[in-house]
Amino acid sequence: MKFYYTIFLFILSNVIFSQIDTSSHVTISGYGELYYSYDFSKPIQNIKPDFIYNHKRHNELNVNLMLLKANYQSGNIDANFGWMMGNYSQYNLAAEPIEVRGIYEATIGIKLSNKNNVRIDAGIMPSHIGFESAVGADCFTLTRSLVAENSPYYETGIKLSTISKNKKLSISGLLLNGWQKIQRTIAEETPSYGLQFQYNPNSNVLINYSGFYGNNQPDTSTNYRFYHNLYTIIEAGKKTKLILSVDYGIDKKNNSKIFTWVVPTFILKRNFSEKNSVAIRMEYFDDPNNIILKVPNATKADIFGSSINFDRKIFNNLLFRIEAKNYYSSEKIFTLNKLPDYNNFSLTTSLCVKF
């Protein structure tokens, strides 16, 4: 879909929604992100590597995400529905049935107990794994981290959660359709399971653990995935924020072979003023059996990434971003001047608007 056609549909939908009498129970919000990215490896057909799902197109002015979202809330009941278009949905939901690829979120939630802060949510919802989302303006960096691109952005199922009376600890248990899946295939009847703990010892620190266990293949094969996501977000004063993260995955195949991968990530963001900020990212994806990254013609997949981005808040709801990013691998999995190379360098700019 051409980016100008996408913009037209987004604006038209916004106009239509603005004419709806939403009353005091419904809130309409939206997000849009235009971007231009230049990959110095000049990839074939202007498509970046398979392990990248956002900002996917090279040397094109394009749309990463256009999102319209409606939230309904009345008493102990709330519901969310978000419709999207752009590169994120085009590439990240490519394996889903075509009729659901535009759904960003579709949930219904009920607060079961006001006294004990217990609620249940069901539907298509953002993943309980990770510190980033598809909404770029909410993330420290312009492009997504390798760990976010190769773990679930969304999930479908039922979530039961509770928050402690002092609001410092929240616990969630999930029954899921699988590893980033809206619809299971006919051969997949076994559900997957998720667990999340979030702890705020004080207002400046968040500690999160998220886990996943499930069969990532049809039930006729005995393949199981165990995934652990641990991160902390620290506010070191009013101007500095820090994310420290480590993810560890295990795939057990046919009750015998075990494959593992590990992904440490470090991000530092510094606000120099109310409008200007800089973020630095260091990350390493070690996938020795090439299970997750699935890099063609590689015996193993290990990528060290580093990036720096500058953000300028033009208005309160309009953000300009520019990022320089480099990937390095111990094998020549990238190309430069049509020859195999160890490095991949790209420059990306974006313009984000929220309402």
Protein backbone atom coordinates (compact mmCIF):
# COMPACT_ATOMS: atom_id res chain seq x y z
CA MET A 1 0.00 0.00 0.00
CA LYS A 2 1.40 3.40 -0.97
CA PHE A 3 2.13 5.61 2.01
CA TYR A 4 -0.02 8.51 0.74
CA TYR A 5 -3.01 6.19 0.39
CA THR A 6 -2.47 5.04 3.95
CA ILE A 7 -2.35 8.64 5.17
CA PHE A 8 -5.59 9.43 3.33
CA LEU A 9 -7.37 6.49 4.99
CA PHE A 10 -6.00 7.48 8.38
CA ILE A 11 -7.22 11.09 8.07
CA LEU A 12 -10.59 9.97 6.71
CA SER A 13 -11.06 7.54 9.60
CA ASN A 14 -10.15 10.27 12.07
CA VAL A 15 -12.78 12.60 10.57
CA ILE A 16 -15.42 9.86 10.76
CA PHE A 17 -14.60 9.03 14.38
CA SER A 18 -14.69 12.72 15.32
CA GLN A 19 -18.33 12.88 14.22
CA ILE A 20 -19.41 10.00 16.48
CA ASP A 21 -21.15 10.86 19.72
CA THR A 22 -18.88 8.95 22.06
CA SER A 23 -20.43 10.31 25.30
CA SER A 24 -18.39 10.33 28.47
CA HIS A 25 -17.72 6.55 28.34
CA VAL A 26 -15.71 6.40 25.11
CA THR A 27 -12.29 7.89 24.39
CA ILE A 28 -10.82 8.05 20.89
CA SER A 29 -7.05 8.24 20.43
CA GLY A 30 -4.65 7.84 17.55
CA TYR A 31 -1.03 7.54 16.52
CA GLY A 32 0.79 8.01 13.23
CA GLU A 33 4.44 7.52 12.26
CA LEU A 34 6.02 8.39 8.92
CA TYR A 35 9.64 7.39 8.37
CA TYR A 36 12.52 7.34 5.90
CA SER A 37 15.37 4.88 6.34
CA TYR A 38 18.54 4.43 4.33
CA ASP A 39 20.32 1.09 4.68
CA PHE A 40 23.87 1.36 3.32
CA SER A 41 23.83 -2.32 2.34
CA LYS A 42 21.15 -1.41 -0.25
CA PRO A 43 19.02 -4.53 0.32
CA ILE A 44 17.30 -6.35 -2.54
CA GLN A 45 13.81 -5.02 -3.30
CA ASN A 46 14.37 -2.36 -0.62
CA ILE A 47 13.45 -4.82 2.17
CA LYS A 48 15.60 -5.01 5.29
CA PRO A 49 16.68 -8.35 6.89
CA ASP A 50 14.06 -10.92 7.93
CA PHE A 51 14.67 -10.37 11.66
CA ILE A 52 13.47 -6.74 11.34
CA TYR A 53 9.72 -6.01 11.27
CA ASN A 54 9.46 -2.26 11.90
CA HIS A 55 10.83 0.49 9.63
CA LYS A 56 11.28 -2.31 7.14
CA ARG A 57 11.65 -0.42 3.88
CA HIS A 58 14.93 1.01 2.55
CA ASN A 59 15.18 4.33 0.70
CA GLU A 60 11.42 5.01 0.78
CA LEU A 61 9.19 7.49 2.54
CA ASN A 62 6.79 5.10 4.20
CA VAL A 63 4.35 4.51 7.06
CA ASN A 64 5.44 2.37 9.98
CA LEU A 65 2.20 2.55 11.95
CA MET A 66 -1.12 4.37 11.69
CA LEU A 67 -3.41 3.53 14.60
CA LEU A 68 -6.90 4.53 15.65
CA LYS A 69 -8.07 3.29 19.04
CA ALA A 70 -11.36 3.44 20.94
CA ASN A 71 -11.58 2.83 24.69
CA TYR A 72 -14.90 2.25 26.47
CA GLN A 73 -15.14 2.38 30.26
CA SER A 74 -18.18 2.18 32.51
CA GLY A 75 -18.03 1.04 36.11
CA ASN A 76 -16.02 -2.19 36.37
CA ILE A 77 -16.15 -2.92 32.65
CA ASP A 78 -13.83 -1.61 29.94
CA ALA A 79 -13.10 -2.47 26.34
CA ASN A 80 -10.46 -1.51 23.78
CA PHE A 81 -10.39 -1.74 20.02
CA GLY A 82 -7.55 -0.53 17.81
CA TRP A 83 -7.31 -0.64 14.01
CA MET A 84 -3.96 -0.17 12.29
CA MET A 85 -2.10 -0.10 8.99
CA GLY A 86 1.52 0.32 7.89
CA ASN A 87 4.76 -1.65 7.81
CA TYR A 88 4.33 -2.96 11.36
CA SER A 89 1.07 -4.76 10.57
CA GLN A 90 2.16 -5.70 7.04
CA TYR A 91 5.27 -7.57 8.13
CA ASN A 92 4.73 -8.45 11.78
CA LEU A 93 1.29 -10.02 11.22
CA ALA A 94 2.07 -11.62 7.86
CA ALA A 95 1.41 -15.12 9.24
CA GLU A 96 -2.05 -14.21 10.54
CA PRO A 97 -5.31 -14.61 8.57
CA ILE A 98 -5.72 -11.60 6.30
CA GLU A 99 -8.99 -10.51 7.93
CA VAL A 100 -7.32 -9.85 11.31
CA ARG A 101 -4.03 -8.26 10.21
CA GLY A 102 -5.38 -4.79 10.86
CA ILE A 103 -6.33 -5.44 14.47
CA TYR A 104 -3.92 -3.81 16.91
CA GLU A 105 -5.98 -4.56 20.03
CA ALA A 106 -9.43 -5.98 20.80
CA THR A 107 -10.07 -6.66 24.50
CA ILE A 108 -12.79 -6.72 27.10
CA GLY A 109 -11.89 -6.35 30.78
CA ILE A 110 -13.85 -6.77 34.00
CA LYS A 111 -12.77 -5.77 37.48
CA LEU A 112 -13.80 -8.75 39.59
CA SER A 113 -12.97 -7.31 42.98
CA ASN A 114 -12.48 -3.68 43.96
CA LYS A 115 -11.28 -4.67 47.40
CA ASN A 116 -8.54 -7.01 46.19
CA ASN A 117 -7.81 -5.27 42.84
CA VAL A 118 -8.48 -8.39 40.78
CA ARG A 119 -9.42 -8.14 37.10
CA ILE A 120 -9.71 -10.34 34.03
CA ASP A 121 -9.00 -9.31 30.43
CA ALA A 122 -9.61 -11.31 27.26
CA GLY A 123 -8.91 -10.82 23.58
CA ILE A 124 -6.05 -9.58 21.39
CA MET A 125 -3.76 -7.56 23.62
CA PRO A 126 -0.22 -6.14 23.77
CA SER A 127 2.34 -8.74 24.80
CA HIS A 128 3.24 -9.13 28.47
CA ILE A 129 6.85 -9.62 27.34
CA GLY A 130 9.28 -6.76 26.84
CA PHE A 131 9.72 -3.04 27.49
CA GLU A 132 8.89 -1.79 23.96
CA SER A 133 5.75 -1.63 21.83
CA ALA A 134 4.81 -0.87 18.24
CA VAL A 135 4.01 2.75 19.22
CA GLY A 136 7.42 4.27 18.59
CA ALA A 137 6.82 7.57 20.40
CA ASP A 138 6.45 5.59 23.66
CA CYS A 139 9.88 3.97 23.23
CA PHE A 140 13.30 5.38 24.11
CA THR A 141 14.70 4.73 20.62
CA LEU A 142 13.38 5.36 17.11
CA THR A 143 13.75 1.76 15.87
CA ARG A 144 12.92 -1.28 17.96
CA SER A 145 15.53 -3.36 19.74
CA LEU A 146 16.52 -6.77 18.40
CA VAL A 147 14.90 -8.44 21.39
CA ALA A 148 11.58 -6.69 20.75
CA GLU A 149 11.62 -7.56 17.04
CA ASN A 150 12.15 -11.24 17.85
CA SER A 151 9.74 -11.74 20.73
CA PRO A 152 5.95 -11.20 20.84
CA TYR A 153 4.50 -7.74 20.26
CA TYR A 154 0.96 -9.04 20.78
CA GLU A 155 -0.85 -12.09 22.14
CA THR A 156 -4.35 -13.54 22.25
CA GLY A 157 -5.88 -15.11 25.33
CA ILE A 158 -7.13 -14.49 28.85
CA LYS A 159 -5.24 -12.59 31.56
CA LEU A 160 -6.01 -12.67 35.28
CA SER A 161 -4.19 -9.98 37.25
CA THR A 162 -4.03 -8.42 40.69
CA ILE A 163 -2.29 -5.45 42.30
CA SER A 164 -1.18 -5.25 45.91
CA LYS A 165 -2.86 -2.73 48.20
CA ASN A 166 0.27 -0.56 48.32
CA LYS A 167 0.37 -0.56 44.46
CA LYS A 168 3.96 -1.78 44.43
CA LEU A 169 3.48 -5.34 43.16
CA SER A 170 1.33 -6.63 40.31
CA ILE A 171 0.97 -10.28 39.25
CA SER A 172 -0.59 -11.64 36.07
CA GLY A 173 -1.24 -15.15 34.79
CA LEU A 174 -2.14 -15.76 31.15
CA LEU A 175 -3.68 -18.52 29.04
CA LEU A 176 -2.59 -17.88 25.44
CA ASN A 177 -3.08 -19.09 21.89
CA GLY A 178 0.67 -19.26 21.43
CA TRP A 179 3.82 -17.30 20.74
CA GLN A 180 2.57 -14.10 19.08
CA LYS A 181 -0.55 -15.63 17.55
CA ILE A 182 -4.07 -14.37 17.06
CA GLN A 183 -5.39 -17.65 15.68
CA ARG A 184 -4.03 -21.14 16.29
CA THR A 185 -3.85 -23.55 13.39
CA ILE A 186 -6.03 -26.66 13.27
CA ALA A 187 -3.10 -28.81 14.38
CA GLU A 188 -2.44 -26.64 17.45
CA GLU A 189 -4.83 -27.46 20.27
CA THR A 190 -2.53 -27.09 23.27
CA PRO A 191 -2.62 -23.63 24.91
CA SER A 192 0.43 -21.69 26.03
CA TYR A 193 0.97 -20.02 29.38
CA GLY A 194 2.35 -16.70 30.54
CA LEU A 195 3.39 -15.16 33.84
CA GLN A 196 4.32 -11.61 34.78
CA PHE A 197 5.56 -9.91 37.95
CA GLN A 198 6.07 -6.15 38.18
CA TYR A 199 7.52 -4.54 41.28
CA ASN A 200 7.95 -0.84 42.05
CA PRO A 201 10.10 -0.51 45.18
CA ASN A 202 9.78 3.26 44.72
CA SER A 203 8.56 5.75 42.12
CA ASN A 204 11.91 5.71 40.28
CA VAL A 205 12.39 1.97 39.76
CA LEU A 206 10.40 -0.72 37.94
CA ILE A 207 11.48 -4.37 38.00
CA ASN A 208 9.73 -6.77 35.61
CA TYR A 209 9.82 -10.52 35.03
CA SER A 210 7.79 -12.08 32.22
CA GLY A 211 7.72 -15.76 31.32
CA PHE A 212 6.30 -17.87 28.52
CA TYR A 213 5.82 -21.63 28.21
CA GLY A 214 4.19 -23.37 25.29
CA ASN A 215 4.35 -25.59 22.25
CA ASN A 216 5.49 -23.42 19.37
CA GLN A 217 4.69 -26.02 16.70
CA PRO A 218 1.72 -28.28 15.83
CA ASP A 219 0.81 -30.71 18.61
CA THR A 220 2.08 -33.67 16.57
CA SER A 221 5.62 -32.44 17.25
CA THR A 222 6.98 -32.25 20.78
CA ASN A 223 8.54 -28.81 20.54
CA TYR A 224 8.38 -26.58 23.60
CA ARG A 225 9.51 -23.02 24.22
CA PHE A 226 10.52 -21.61 27.59
CA TYR A 227 11.19 -17.87 27.58
CA HIS A 228 12.34 -15.55 30.35
CA ASN A 229 12.33 -11.74 30.14
CA LEU A 230 13.85 -9.70 32.96
CA TYR A 231 14.31 -5.94 32.87
CA THR A 232 14.45 -2.88 35.06
CA ILE A 233 13.66 0.74 34.21
CA ILE A 234 15.40 3.31 36.41
CA GLU A 235 14.86 7.05 36.57
CA ALA A 236 18.14 8.57 37.73
CA GLY A 237 16.93 12.07 38.42
CA LYS A 238 14.54 14.11 36.31
CA LYS A 239 16.60 14.00 33.11
CA THR A 240 18.09 10.49 32.89
CA LYS A 241 16.40 7.13 32.36
CA LEU A 242 17.99 3.71 32.04
CA ILE A 243 16.78 0.32 30.82
CA LEU A 244 18.69 -2.87 31.65
CA SER A 245 17.30 -6.05 30.15
CA VAL A 246 18.26 -9.69 29.64
CA ASP A 247 16.16 -12.30 27.82
CA TYR A 248 16.83 -16.04 27.77
CA GLY A 249 15.03 -18.53 25.57
CA ILE A 250 15.00 -22.32 25.38
CA ASP A 251 13.56 -24.43 22.58
CA LYS A 252 13.25 -28.13 23.30
CA LYS A 253 12.70 -30.17 20.16
CA ASN A 254 11.46 -33.76 19.99
CA ASN A 255 12.13 -34.27 23.72
CA SER A 256 15.86 -34.36 23.13
CA LYS A 257 17.58 -31.45 21.38
CA ILE A 258 17.77 -28.20 23.35
CA PHE A 259 18.57 -24.86 21.73
CA THR A 260 19.10 -21.63 23.66
CA TRP A 261 19.55 -17.92 22.95
CA VAL A 262 20.31 -14.92 25.13
CA VAL A 263 19.78 -11.19 24.53
CA PRO A 264 21.19 -8.50 26.87
CA THR A 265 20.11 -4.90 26.14
CA PHE A 266 21.16 -1.54 27.54
CA ILE A 267 19.49 1.80 26.76
CA LEU A 268 20.29 5.20 28.25
CA LYS A 269 18.09 8.24 27.60
CA ARG A 270 19.03 11.80 28.54
CA ASN A 271 16.65 14.76 28.36
CA PHE A 272 18.58 17.98 27.76
CA SER A 273 15.45 20.11 27.84
CA GLU A 274 11.69 19.73 27.63
CA LYS A 275 11.99 19.36 23.85
CA ASN A 276 15.37 17.71 23.18
CA SER A 277 16.67 14.27 24.20
CA VAL A 278 19.26 11.69 23.17
CA ALA A 279 19.21 7.90 23.62
CA ILE A 280 22.07 5.41 23.31
CA ARG A 281 21.48 1.67 22.88
CA MET A 282 23.82 -1.32 23.12
CA GLU A 283 22.45 -4.82 22.46
CA TYR A 284 23.67 -8.32 21.73
CA PHE A 285 21.63 -11.19 20.28
CA ASP A 286 23.41 -14.52 20.70
CA ASP A 287 21.55 -17.25 18.81
CA PRO A 288 24.23 -19.94 18.32
CA ASN A 289 21.89 -22.37 16.54
CA ASN A 290 20.17 -19.72 14.40
CA ILE A 291 16.76 -20.70 15.82
CA ILE A 292 15.16 -17.26 16.22
CA LEU A 293 16.99 -14.91 13.85
CA LYS A 294 17.04 -17.49 11.03
CA VAL A 295 19.78 -15.71 9.10
CA PRO A 296 20.26 -17.33 5.65
CA ASN A 297 23.56 -19.11 4.99
CA ALA A 298 24.79 -18.68 8.58
CA THR A 299 26.07 -21.45 10.85
CA LYS A 300 25.18 -19.33 13.86
CA ALA A 301 23.56 -15.96 14.41
CA ASP A 302 25.12 -13.40 16.70
CA ILE A 303 24.54 -9.68 16.25
CA PHE A 304 25.93 -6.81 18.26
CA GLY A 305 23.92 -3.63 17.80
CA SER A 306 24.64 -0.04 18.74
CA SER A 307 22.62 3.08 18.03
CA ILE A 308 22.20 6.72 18.95
CA ASN A 309 19.12 8.80 18.31
CA PHE A 310 18.15 12.43 18.75
CA ASP A 311 14.56 13.46 19.48
CA ARG A 312 13.05 16.90 19.01
CA LYS A 313 9.55 17.58 20.32
CA ILE A 314 8.15 20.09 17.83
CA PHE A 315 4.79 20.30 19.61
CA ASN A 316 3.40 18.36 22.55
CA ASN A 317 1.94 15.76 20.17
CA LEU A 318 4.48 15.98 17.31
CA LEU A 319 7.91 14.37 17.58
CA PHE A 320 10.83 14.38 15.11
CA ARG A 321 13.47 11.65 15.50
CA ILE A 322 16.72 10.69 13.77
CA GLU A 323 18.81 7.59 14.50
CA ALA A 324 22.12 6.09 13.39
CA LYS A 325 22.41 2.33 13.94
CA ASN A 326 25.07 -0.29 13.26
CA TYR A 327 24.87 -4.09 13.40
CA TYR A 328 28.00 -6.26 13.60
CA SER A 329 28.19 -10.04 13.34
CA SER A 330 31.08 -12.50 13.70
CA GLU A 331 30.04 -13.97 10.34
CA LYS A 332 29.49 -12.14 7.08
CA ILE A 333 25.70 -12.21 7.24
CA PHE A 334 25.29 -8.69 5.80
CA THR A 335 26.24 -7.19 2.44
CA LEU A 336 28.05 -4.06 1.31
CA ASN A 337 28.54 -3.17 -2.34
CA LYS A 338 26.90 -6.55 -3.14
CA LEU A 339 29.62 -8.42 -1.25
CA PRO A 340 29.33 -10.28 2.09
CA ASP A 341 30.19 -8.08 5.06
CA TYR A 342 30.30 -8.14 8.85
CA ASN A 343 28.52 -4.80 9.32
CA ASN A 344 25.21 -3.19 8.52
CA PHE A 345 24.77 0.56 8.95
CA SER A 346 21.54 2.53 8.57
CA LEU A 347 20.15 6.03 9.11
CA THR A 348 16.49 6.49 9.94
CA THR A 349 14.28 9.53 10.52
CA SER A 350 10.66 9.63 11.62
CA LEU A 351 7.83 12.01 12.36
CA CYS A 352 5.38 10.84 15.04
CA VAL A 353 2.02 12.35 15.96
CA LYS A 354 -0.33 11.36 18.81
CA PHE A 355 -3.79 12.55 19.64
